Amino acid sequence: MELKKNLDLTEPLCISVPIAARMLGVSRNTAYEMARLGQLPTIKCGQRRLVVPKAALMKMLQEGNEQHEKWKE
């Protein structure tokens, strides 16, 4: 697997669910519920820990924005 040249390896590739919640402007509980329903992309690390891949979150937001733009037309 080849890494992208513009990938900043000094920044974490994943964030916690509470941080994703803050970025989305929703509560921590809502973010965990979104993860449970499959509405928030997550990776399970170990038995309990969930993390949100930054790239998947940004892709999800971009796709949501594109859908919103289609509805506006």
N, C-alpha and C. Protein backbone atom coordinates (compact mmCIF):
# COMPACT_ATOMS: atom_id res chain seq x y z
N MET A 1 0.85 -1.18 0.00
CA MET A 1 0.00 0.00 0.00
C MET A 1 0.89 1.24 0.00
N GLU A 2 0.63 2.13 -0.91
CA GLU A 2 1.45 3.32 -1.05
C GLU A 2 0.80 4.49 -0.30
N LEU A 3 1.58 5.20 0.49
CA LEU A 3 1.07 6.36 1.21
C LEU A 3 1.03 7.56 0.29
N LYS A 4 0.02 8.39 0.46
CA LYS A 4 -0.06 9.62 -0.32
C LYS A 4 1.09 10.53 0.08
N LYS A 5 1.59 11.26 -0.89
CA LYS A 5 2.74 12.14 -0.62
C LYS A 5 2.37 13.31 0.28
N ASN A 6 1.10 13.74 0.27
CA ASN A 6 0.71 14.89 1.09
C ASN A 6 0.19 14.47 2.46
N LEU A 7 0.34 13.22 2.82
CA LEU A 7 -0.12 12.72 4.12
C LEU A 7 0.79 13.24 5.22
N ASP A 8 0.21 13.91 6.20
CA ASP A 8 0.96 14.46 7.32
C ASP A 8 0.99 13.42 8.44
N LEU A 9 2.09 12.74 8.59
CA LEU A 9 2.19 11.68 9.58
C LEU A 9 2.38 12.20 11.00
N THR A 10 2.48 13.52 11.17
CA THR A 10 2.57 14.08 12.51
C THR A 10 1.19 14.25 13.14
N GLU A 11 0.13 14.21 12.33
CA GLU A 11 -1.24 14.33 12.81
C GLU A 11 -1.85 12.94 12.93
N PRO A 12 -2.67 12.71 13.94
CA PRO A 12 -3.33 11.41 14.05
C PRO A 12 -4.30 11.19 12.89
N LEU A 13 -4.42 9.96 12.44
CA LEU A 13 -5.32 9.63 11.34
C LEU A 13 -6.75 9.43 11.81
N CYS A 14 -6.92 9.19 13.11
CA CYS A 14 -8.25 8.97 13.69
C CYS A 14 -8.44 9.90 14.88
N ILE A 15 -9.72 10.16 15.18
CA ILE A 15 -10.07 10.99 16.32
C ILE A 15 -11.07 10.23 17.18
N SER A 16 -11.25 10.66 18.39
CA SER A 16 -12.21 10.01 19.28
C SER A 16 -13.63 10.41 18.89
N VAL A 17 -14.59 9.64 19.33
CA VAL A 17 -15.99 9.95 19.06
C VAL A 17 -16.39 11.30 19.68
N PRO A 18 -15.98 11.60 20.93
CA PRO A 18 -16.33 12.92 21.47
C PRO A 18 -15.76 14.09 20.66
N ILE A 19 -14.56 13.94 20.13
CA ILE A 19 -14.00 15.02 19.29
C ILE A 19 -14.78 15.13 17.99
N ALA A 20 -15.14 14.00 17.40
CA ALA A 20 -15.97 14.03 16.19
C ALA A 20 -17.31 14.70 16.48
N ALA A 21 -17.86 14.44 17.66
CA ALA A 21 -19.12 15.07 18.05
C ALA A 21 -18.98 16.58 18.08
N ARG A 22 -17.89 17.06 18.68
CA ARG A 22 -17.66 18.51 18.72
C ARG A 22 -17.53 19.09 17.32
N MET A 23 -16.83 18.37 16.44
CA MET A 23 -16.66 18.84 15.05
C MET A 23 -18.01 18.90 14.32
N LEU A 24 -18.90 17.96 14.64
CA LEU A 24 -20.21 17.90 13.99
C LEU A 24 -21.24 18.81 14.65
N GLY A 25 -20.92 19.27 15.85
CA GLY A 25 -21.86 20.13 16.57
C GLY A 25 -23.01 19.35 17.19
N VAL A 26 -22.73 18.09 17.57
CA VAL A 26 -23.74 17.27 18.23
C VAL A 26 -23.20 16.83 19.58
N SER A 27 -24.08 16.30 20.41
CA SER A 27 -23.63 15.84 21.72
C SER A 27 -22.83 14.54 21.59
N ARG A 28 -22.11 14.25 22.65
CA ARG A 28 -21.32 13.01 22.71
C ARG A 28 -22.24 11.81 22.57
N ASN A 29 -23.37 11.83 23.28
CA ASN A 29 -24.32 10.72 23.22
C ASN A 29 -24.89 10.55 21.81
N THR A 30 -25.19 11.65 21.15
CA THR A 30 -25.70 11.58 19.78
C THR A 30 -24.67 10.98 18.85
N ALA A 31 -23.40 11.34 19.03
CA ALA A 31 -22.34 10.79 18.18
C ALA A 31 -22.20 9.29 18.39
N TYR A 32 -22.27 8.83 19.63
CA TYR A 32 -22.21 7.39 19.88
C TYR A 32 -23.43 6.68 19.29
N GLU A 33 -24.59 7.31 19.34
CA GLU A 33 -25.79 6.73 18.73
C GLU A 33 -25.63 6.68 17.21
N MET A 34 -25.07 7.74 16.62
CA MET A 34 -24.81 7.74 15.18
C MET A 34 -23.86 6.61 14.80
N ALA A 35 -22.84 6.39 15.63
CA ALA A 35 -21.89 5.30 15.38
C ALA A 35 -22.61 3.95 15.46
N ARG A 36 -23.46 3.79 16.46
CA ARG A 36 -24.20 2.53 16.62
C ARG A 36 -25.10 2.25 15.42
N LEU A 37 -25.69 3.30 14.86
CA LEU A 37 -26.59 3.17 13.72
C LEU A 37 -25.87 3.11 12.38
N GLY A 38 -24.54 3.26 12.41
CA GLY A 38 -23.78 3.23 11.17
C GLY A 38 -23.77 4.55 10.43
N GLN A 39 -24.19 5.63 11.08
CA GLN A 39 -24.23 6.95 10.47
C GLN A 39 -22.93 7.71 10.64
N LEU A 40 -22.06 7.21 11.48
CA LEU A 40 -20.75 7.82 11.72
C LEU A 40 -19.72 6.72 11.51
N PRO A 41 -18.77 6.94 10.60
CA PRO A 41 -17.77 5.88 10.33
C PRO A 41 -16.85 5.69 11.53
N THR A 42 -16.73 4.45 11.98
CA THR A 42 -15.87 4.17 13.13
C THR A 42 -15.07 2.89 12.90
N ILE A 43 -14.00 2.78 13.67
CA ILE A 43 -13.19 1.57 13.72
C ILE A 43 -13.12 1.17 15.19
N LYS A 44 -13.36 -0.11 15.45
CA LYS A 44 -13.29 -0.59 16.82
C LYS A 44 -11.85 -1.02 17.13
N CYS A 45 -11.30 -0.45 18.17
CA CYS A 45 -9.94 -0.78 18.61
C CYS A 45 -10.05 -1.52 19.93
N GLY A 46 -9.72 -2.78 19.93
CA GLY A 46 -9.83 -3.57 21.15
C GLY A 46 -11.27 -3.91 21.46
N GLN A 47 -11.55 -4.08 22.73
CA GLN A 47 -12.88 -4.50 23.17
C GLN A 47 -13.92 -3.37 23.13
N ARG A 48 -13.49 -2.15 23.48
CA ARG A 48 -14.47 -1.09 23.69
C ARG A 48 -14.21 0.20 22.91
N ARG A 49 -12.98 0.51 22.63
CA ARG A 49 -12.65 1.82 22.07
C ARG A 49 -13.06 1.95 20.61
N LEU A 50 -13.77 3.04 20.31
CA LEU A 50 -14.13 3.39 18.94
C LEU A 50 -13.37 4.63 18.54
N VAL A 51 -12.86 4.65 17.33
CA VAL A 51 -12.23 5.85 16.79
C VAL A 51 -12.86 6.16 15.44
N VAL A 52 -12.79 7.41 15.05
CA VAL A 52 -13.37 7.87 13.79
C VAL A 52 -12.21 8.26 12.87
N PRO A 53 -12.07 7.57 11.73
CA PRO A 53 -11.03 7.96 10.78
C PRO A 53 -11.34 9.36 10.21
N LYS A 54 -10.36 10.25 10.28
CA LYS A 54 -10.58 11.62 9.81
C LYS A 54 -10.98 11.64 8.34
N ALA A 55 -10.32 10.84 7.51
CA ALA A 55 -10.60 10.84 6.08
C ALA A 55 -12.04 10.41 5.81
N ALA A 56 -12.52 9.39 6.51
CA ALA A 56 -13.90 8.91 6.32
C ALA A 56 -14.91 9.96 6.79
N LEU A 57 -14.59 10.66 7.88
CA LEU A 57 -15.48 11.71 8.37
C LEU A 57 -15.56 12.85 7.37
N MET A 58 -14.42 13.26 6.84
CA MET A 58 -14.41 14.35 5.86
C MET A 58 -15.14 13.94 4.58
N LYS A 59 -14.97 12.69 4.16
CA LYS A 59 -15.68 12.19 2.97
C LYS A 59 -17.19 12.20 3.22
N MET A 60 -17.61 11.75 4.41
CA MET A 60 -19.02 11.73 4.76
C MET A 60 -19.60 13.14 4.71
N LEU A 61 -18.87 14.10 5.26
CA LEU A 61 -19.34 15.49 5.27
C LEU A 61 -19.39 16.06 3.86
N GLN A 62 -18.40 15.72 3.03
CA GLN A 62 -18.39 16.20 1.65
C GLN A 62 -19.58 15.64 0.88
N GLU A 63 -19.85 14.35 1.04
CA GLU A 63 -20.98 13.73 0.36
C GLU A 63 -22.30 14.33 0.84
N GLY A 64 -22.39 14.61 2.12
CA GLY A 64 -23.59 15.25 2.65
C GLY A 64 -23.78 16.64 2.09
N ASN A 65 -22.69 17.37 1.93
CA ASN A 65 -22.74 18.71 1.35
C ASN A 65 -23.18 18.65 -0.11
N GLU A 66 -22.67 17.66 -0.85
CA GLU A 66 -23.05 17.50 -2.26
C GLU A 66 -24.53 17.18 -2.37
N GLN A 67 -25.05 16.32 -1.48
CA GLN A 67 -26.48 16.00 -1.47
C GLN A 67 -27.30 17.25 -1.19
N HIS A 68 -26.83 18.06 -0.24
CA HIS A 68 -27.54 19.30 0.11
C HIS A 68 -27.59 20.24 -1.09
N GLU A 69 -26.48 20.35 -1.81
CA GLU A 69 -26.42 21.23 -2.98
C GLU A 69 -27.39 20.76 -4.06
N LYS A 70 -27.54 19.44 -4.25
CA LYS A 70 -28.48 18.91 -5.23
C LYS A 70 -29.91 19.28 -4.87
N TRP A 71 -30.24 19.22 -3.57
CA TRP A 71 -31.59 19.53 -3.14
C TRP A 71 -31.90 21.01 -3.30
N LYS A 72 -30.90 21.86 -3.22
CA LYS A 72 -31.10 23.30 -3.36
C LYS A 72 -31.45 23.69 -4.78
N GLU A 73 -30.98 22.89 -5.76
CA GLU A 73 -31.20 23.25 -7.18
C GLU A 73 -32.62 23.05 -7.61
